[in-house]
N, C-alpha and C. Protein backbone atom coordinates (compact mmCIF):
# COMPACT_ATOMS: atom_id res chain seq x y z
N MET A 1 -79.18 45.78 -45.89
CA MET A 1 -77.74 45.88 -45.79
C MET A 1 -77.33 45.46 -44.39
N ASN A 2 -76.85 44.25 -44.26
CA ASN A 2 -76.43 43.74 -42.96
C ASN A 2 -74.93 43.63 -42.85
N ASP A 3 -74.21 44.18 -43.79
CA ASP A 3 -72.76 44.12 -43.80
C ASP A 3 -72.22 44.94 -42.62
N PRO A 4 -71.49 44.31 -41.71
CA PRO A 4 -70.99 45.05 -40.54
C PRO A 4 -70.00 46.16 -40.88
N ARG A 5 -69.41 46.13 -42.08
CA ARG A 5 -68.47 47.19 -42.45
C ARG A 5 -69.15 48.55 -42.51
N TYR A 6 -70.47 48.56 -42.77
CA TYR A 6 -71.18 49.83 -42.87
C TYR A 6 -71.50 50.45 -41.51
N LYS A 7 -71.13 49.77 -40.45
CA LYS A 7 -71.34 50.30 -39.11
C LYS A 7 -70.04 50.77 -38.46
N THR A 8 -68.94 50.66 -39.18
CA THR A 8 -67.64 51.03 -38.61
C THR A 8 -67.40 52.53 -38.66
N HIS A 9 -66.56 52.98 -37.77
CA HIS A 9 -66.17 54.40 -37.76
C HIS A 9 -65.52 54.78 -39.08
N ARG A 10 -64.72 53.88 -39.61
CA ARG A 10 -64.02 54.17 -40.87
C ARG A 10 -65.03 54.45 -42.00
N TRP A 11 -66.11 53.63 -42.09
CA TRP A 11 -67.11 53.86 -43.12
C TRP A 11 -67.86 55.17 -42.89
N VAL A 12 -68.23 55.45 -41.65
CA VAL A 12 -68.96 56.69 -41.34
C VAL A 12 -68.15 57.90 -41.78
N VAL A 13 -66.85 57.89 -41.50
CA VAL A 13 -65.98 59.00 -41.89
C VAL A 13 -65.85 59.08 -43.41
N THR A 14 -65.64 57.94 -44.07
CA THR A 14 -65.49 57.92 -45.53
C THR A 14 -66.77 58.36 -46.22
N ARG A 15 -67.90 57.90 -45.72
CA ARG A 15 -69.20 58.28 -46.27
C ARG A 15 -69.40 59.80 -46.16
N ARG A 16 -69.08 60.35 -45.01
CA ARG A 16 -69.23 61.79 -44.80
C ARG A 16 -68.32 62.57 -45.76
N GLN A 17 -67.10 62.09 -45.96
CA GLN A 17 -66.17 62.75 -46.87
C GLN A 17 -66.72 62.75 -48.30
N ALA A 18 -67.30 61.62 -48.73
CA ALA A 18 -67.86 61.54 -50.08
C ALA A 18 -69.04 62.50 -50.22
N MET A 19 -69.89 62.55 -49.21
CA MET A 19 -71.05 63.45 -49.28
C MET A 19 -70.61 64.91 -49.28
N GLN A 20 -69.62 65.24 -48.48
CA GLN A 20 -69.11 66.61 -48.46
C GLN A 20 -68.51 66.97 -49.82
N ARG A 21 -67.72 66.07 -50.38
CA ARG A 21 -67.12 66.32 -51.70
C ARG A 21 -68.20 66.58 -52.75
N ASP A 22 -69.31 65.83 -52.66
CA ASP A 22 -70.39 65.94 -53.63
C ASP A 22 -71.42 67.00 -53.24
N ASN A 23 -71.09 67.79 -52.23
CA ASN A 23 -71.96 68.88 -51.77
C ASN A 23 -73.35 68.38 -51.36
N TYR A 24 -73.42 67.15 -50.87
CA TYR A 24 -74.66 66.53 -50.40
C TYR A 24 -75.74 66.52 -51.49
N GLU A 25 -75.32 66.43 -52.76
CA GLU A 25 -76.24 66.42 -53.89
C GLU A 25 -76.15 65.09 -54.64
N CYS A 26 -77.28 64.64 -55.15
CA CYS A 26 -77.30 63.43 -55.98
C CYS A 26 -76.53 63.73 -57.26
N GLN A 27 -75.52 62.95 -57.52
CA GLN A 27 -74.68 63.18 -58.68
C GLN A 27 -75.34 62.76 -60.00
N MET A 28 -76.23 61.78 -59.95
CA MET A 28 -76.94 61.39 -61.17
C MET A 28 -77.96 62.45 -61.57
N CYS A 29 -78.68 62.98 -60.60
CA CYS A 29 -79.64 64.06 -60.89
C CYS A 29 -78.89 65.29 -61.39
N LYS A 30 -77.75 65.57 -60.77
CA LYS A 30 -76.95 66.73 -61.16
C LYS A 30 -76.50 66.62 -62.62
N GLU A 31 -76.13 65.42 -63.05
CA GLU A 31 -75.73 65.20 -64.44
C GLU A 31 -76.87 65.50 -65.41
N GLU A 32 -78.11 65.36 -64.93
CA GLU A 32 -79.29 65.61 -65.77
C GLU A 32 -79.81 67.04 -65.59
N GLY A 33 -79.05 67.88 -64.88
CA GLY A 33 -79.43 69.26 -64.70
C GLY A 33 -80.47 69.50 -63.63
N MET A 34 -80.67 68.52 -62.76
CA MET A 34 -81.65 68.65 -61.68
C MET A 34 -80.93 68.68 -60.34
N PHE A 35 -81.67 69.03 -59.31
CA PHE A 35 -81.12 69.00 -57.96
C PHE A 35 -81.99 68.13 -57.07
N LYS A 36 -81.34 67.23 -56.35
CA LYS A 36 -81.98 66.44 -55.31
C LYS A 36 -80.94 66.20 -54.24
N PRO A 37 -81.33 66.31 -52.98
CA PRO A 37 -80.36 66.03 -51.92
C PRO A 37 -79.92 64.56 -51.97
N GLY A 38 -78.65 64.35 -51.70
CA GLY A 38 -78.12 62.99 -51.65
C GLY A 38 -78.40 62.35 -50.30
N GLU A 39 -78.77 61.08 -50.33
CA GLU A 39 -79.06 60.35 -49.09
C GLU A 39 -78.21 59.11 -48.95
N ALA A 40 -77.73 58.57 -50.06
CA ALA A 40 -76.97 57.32 -50.05
C ALA A 40 -75.61 57.56 -50.69
N VAL A 41 -74.64 56.79 -50.25
CA VAL A 41 -73.33 56.82 -50.90
C VAL A 41 -73.17 55.48 -51.60
N HIS A 42 -73.00 55.55 -52.90
CA HIS A 42 -72.97 54.38 -53.77
C HIS A 42 -71.54 54.02 -54.15
N HIS A 43 -71.25 52.71 -54.11
CA HIS A 43 -69.97 52.21 -54.60
C HIS A 43 -70.08 52.02 -56.11
N ILE A 44 -69.29 52.75 -56.87
CA ILE A 44 -69.32 52.64 -58.33
C ILE A 44 -68.92 51.23 -58.74
N LYS A 45 -67.83 50.75 -58.20
CA LYS A 45 -67.46 49.33 -58.34
C LYS A 45 -67.91 48.67 -57.04
N PRO A 46 -68.80 47.67 -57.09
CA PRO A 46 -69.41 47.09 -55.90
C PRO A 46 -68.39 46.58 -54.89
N SER A 47 -68.66 46.87 -53.63
CA SER A 47 -67.72 46.49 -52.56
C SER A 47 -67.65 44.99 -52.36
N ASP A 48 -68.70 44.24 -52.76
CA ASP A 48 -68.63 42.79 -52.60
C ASP A 48 -67.69 42.17 -53.64
N LYS A 49 -67.57 42.80 -54.82
CA LYS A 49 -66.65 42.31 -55.84
C LYS A 49 -65.27 42.94 -55.76
N TYR A 50 -65.22 44.16 -55.21
CA TYR A 50 -63.96 44.90 -55.09
C TYR A 50 -63.78 45.37 -53.65
N PRO A 51 -63.58 44.45 -52.71
CA PRO A 51 -63.49 44.86 -51.29
C PRO A 51 -62.34 45.82 -51.01
N ASP A 52 -61.31 45.80 -51.84
CA ASP A 52 -60.18 46.71 -51.63
C ASP A 52 -60.57 48.16 -51.95
N LEU A 53 -61.69 48.37 -52.64
CA LEU A 53 -62.15 49.73 -52.97
C LEU A 53 -63.26 50.22 -52.05
N MET A 54 -63.56 49.47 -51.01
CA MET A 54 -64.65 49.81 -50.09
C MET A 54 -64.55 51.23 -49.56
N TYR A 55 -63.37 51.66 -49.19
CA TYR A 55 -63.18 52.97 -48.56
C TYR A 55 -62.48 53.98 -49.47
N GLU A 56 -62.37 53.67 -50.76
CA GLU A 56 -61.73 54.58 -51.70
C GLU A 56 -62.72 55.66 -52.13
N ILE A 57 -62.43 56.88 -51.79
CA ILE A 57 -63.33 58.00 -52.06
C ILE A 57 -63.63 58.14 -53.55
N ASP A 58 -62.69 57.80 -54.41
CA ASP A 58 -62.90 57.90 -55.86
C ASP A 58 -63.86 56.84 -56.39
N ASN A 59 -64.18 55.85 -55.58
CA ASN A 59 -65.12 54.80 -55.96
C ASN A 59 -66.52 55.06 -55.40
N LEU A 60 -66.72 56.22 -54.82
CA LEU A 60 -68.00 56.54 -54.18
C LEU A 60 -68.67 57.72 -54.85
N GLN A 61 -69.99 57.71 -54.86
CA GLN A 61 -70.74 58.86 -55.32
C GLN A 61 -72.02 58.98 -54.50
N THR A 62 -72.42 60.21 -54.23
CA THR A 62 -73.63 60.49 -53.48
C THR A 62 -74.83 60.42 -54.41
N LEU A 63 -75.86 59.70 -53.98
CA LEU A 63 -77.08 59.56 -54.78
C LEU A 63 -78.31 59.77 -53.90
N CYS A 64 -79.41 60.18 -54.53
CA CYS A 64 -80.69 60.20 -53.83
C CYS A 64 -81.20 58.75 -53.78
N ARG A 65 -82.17 58.48 -52.95
CA ARG A 65 -82.69 57.10 -52.83
C ARG A 65 -83.22 56.55 -54.15
N PRO A 66 -84.06 57.31 -54.89
CA PRO A 66 -84.56 56.74 -56.16
C PRO A 66 -83.44 56.38 -57.14
N CYS A 67 -82.43 57.23 -57.26
CA CYS A 67 -81.32 56.93 -58.17
C CYS A 67 -80.53 55.73 -57.67
N HIS A 68 -80.34 55.62 -56.36
CA HIS A 68 -79.60 54.49 -55.81
C HIS A 68 -80.34 53.19 -56.07
N GLU A 69 -81.66 53.21 -55.90
CA GLU A 69 -82.45 52.01 -56.19
C GLU A 69 -82.38 51.67 -57.68
N ARG A 70 -82.48 52.68 -58.53
CA ARG A 70 -82.46 52.47 -59.98
C ARG A 70 -81.12 51.89 -60.43
N VAL A 71 -80.01 52.41 -59.90
CA VAL A 71 -78.69 51.94 -60.32
C VAL A 71 -78.48 50.47 -59.91
N HIS A 72 -79.20 50.03 -58.88
CA HIS A 72 -79.11 48.63 -58.44
C HIS A 72 -80.19 47.77 -59.07
N GLY A 73 -81.02 48.36 -59.93
CA GLY A 73 -82.06 47.60 -60.61
C GLY A 73 -83.20 47.19 -59.71
N ARG A 74 -83.42 47.96 -58.63
CA ARG A 74 -84.51 47.66 -57.70
C ARG A 74 -85.66 48.65 -57.92
N GLU A 75 -86.83 48.24 -57.50
CA GLU A 75 -87.99 49.12 -57.55
C GLU A 75 -87.77 50.28 -56.59
N PRO A 76 -88.17 51.48 -57.00
CA PRO A 76 -88.05 52.61 -56.07
C PRO A 76 -88.85 52.36 -54.80
N ILE A 77 -88.32 52.82 -53.70
CA ILE A 77 -89.01 52.67 -52.42
C ILE A 77 -90.21 53.60 -52.42
N ALA A 78 -91.38 53.04 -52.16
CA ALA A 78 -92.60 53.85 -52.15
C ALA A 78 -92.60 54.79 -50.96
N ASN A 79 -93.21 55.93 -51.15
CA ASN A 79 -93.34 56.89 -50.07
C ASN A 79 -94.48 56.42 -49.16
N THR A 80 -94.15 55.68 -48.14
CA THR A 80 -95.17 55.14 -47.23
C THR A 80 -95.53 56.14 -46.14
N ARG A 81 -94.78 57.22 -46.07
CA ARG A 81 -95.07 58.21 -45.04
C ARG A 81 -96.37 58.96 -45.36
N PHE A 82 -96.59 59.29 -46.62
CA PHE A 82 -97.80 59.99 -47.04
C PHE A 82 -98.39 59.24 -48.24
N PRO A 83 -99.04 58.09 -47.99
CA PRO A 83 -99.56 57.32 -49.13
C PRO A 83 -100.71 58.04 -49.83
N GLU A 84 -100.85 57.75 -51.12
CA GLU A 84 -101.94 58.30 -51.91
C GLU A 84 -103.26 57.78 -51.36
N ARG A 85 -104.26 58.64 -51.26
CA ARG A 85 -105.54 58.22 -50.67
C ARG A 85 -106.71 58.44 -51.63
N TRP A 86 -106.49 58.43 -52.92
CA TRP A 86 -107.58 58.65 -53.88
C TRP A 86 -108.25 57.37 -54.23
């Protein structure tokens, strides 16, 4: 993510508001009855296609990293901090 909009004060404030609203919980996991801390704020309607919704709180949802990767159709980020050693 090299988009300079994600480094602005406006985005930092909006991101924090979305996470606070969502109680810092992954909303997709919550829908499935599970709990995982949220790490990413996802644009429901993509900001590259809907730039006018970039900072709209109703277009944002807090997600954990695996859910955020899944919703974008990407492979989950491997846990490289503690790799399997078997």
